[in-house]
């Protein structure tokens, strides 16, 4: 009536269900730790630090660019406009290139475009 290969609760008998005690009990895998390891914490801090530095560089370049623009508008009516115009011809292309490169790099990295773990 009962098959010894059945597991708990497979075969009913007169008193309920047959319990098969001939097989080894399965041992559950240990629960993973919910607290991060020291290496995971260090990686997280390093990643956050990189992001903060990248953002700071972009903000500083943006402030320098806006300062140059505001300074040029304020100085537009002065007698030394020719000298200021020559200086703007040098500063604005360089600042624009640096700011554009920094923003493109920051946005690519923040979206996960490139992955480098050093």
Foldseek 3Di string as FASTA:
>chain_A
DDDLPDAWPPDADDVGTDHRPPDDDDDDDDDDDPDDDPVVVVQVVVVVVVLVVLVVQLVVLVVVQVVLVVVLVVCCPDPVNVVSVVVCVVPNVVSVVSNVVSVVVSVCVVVPVDDDDD
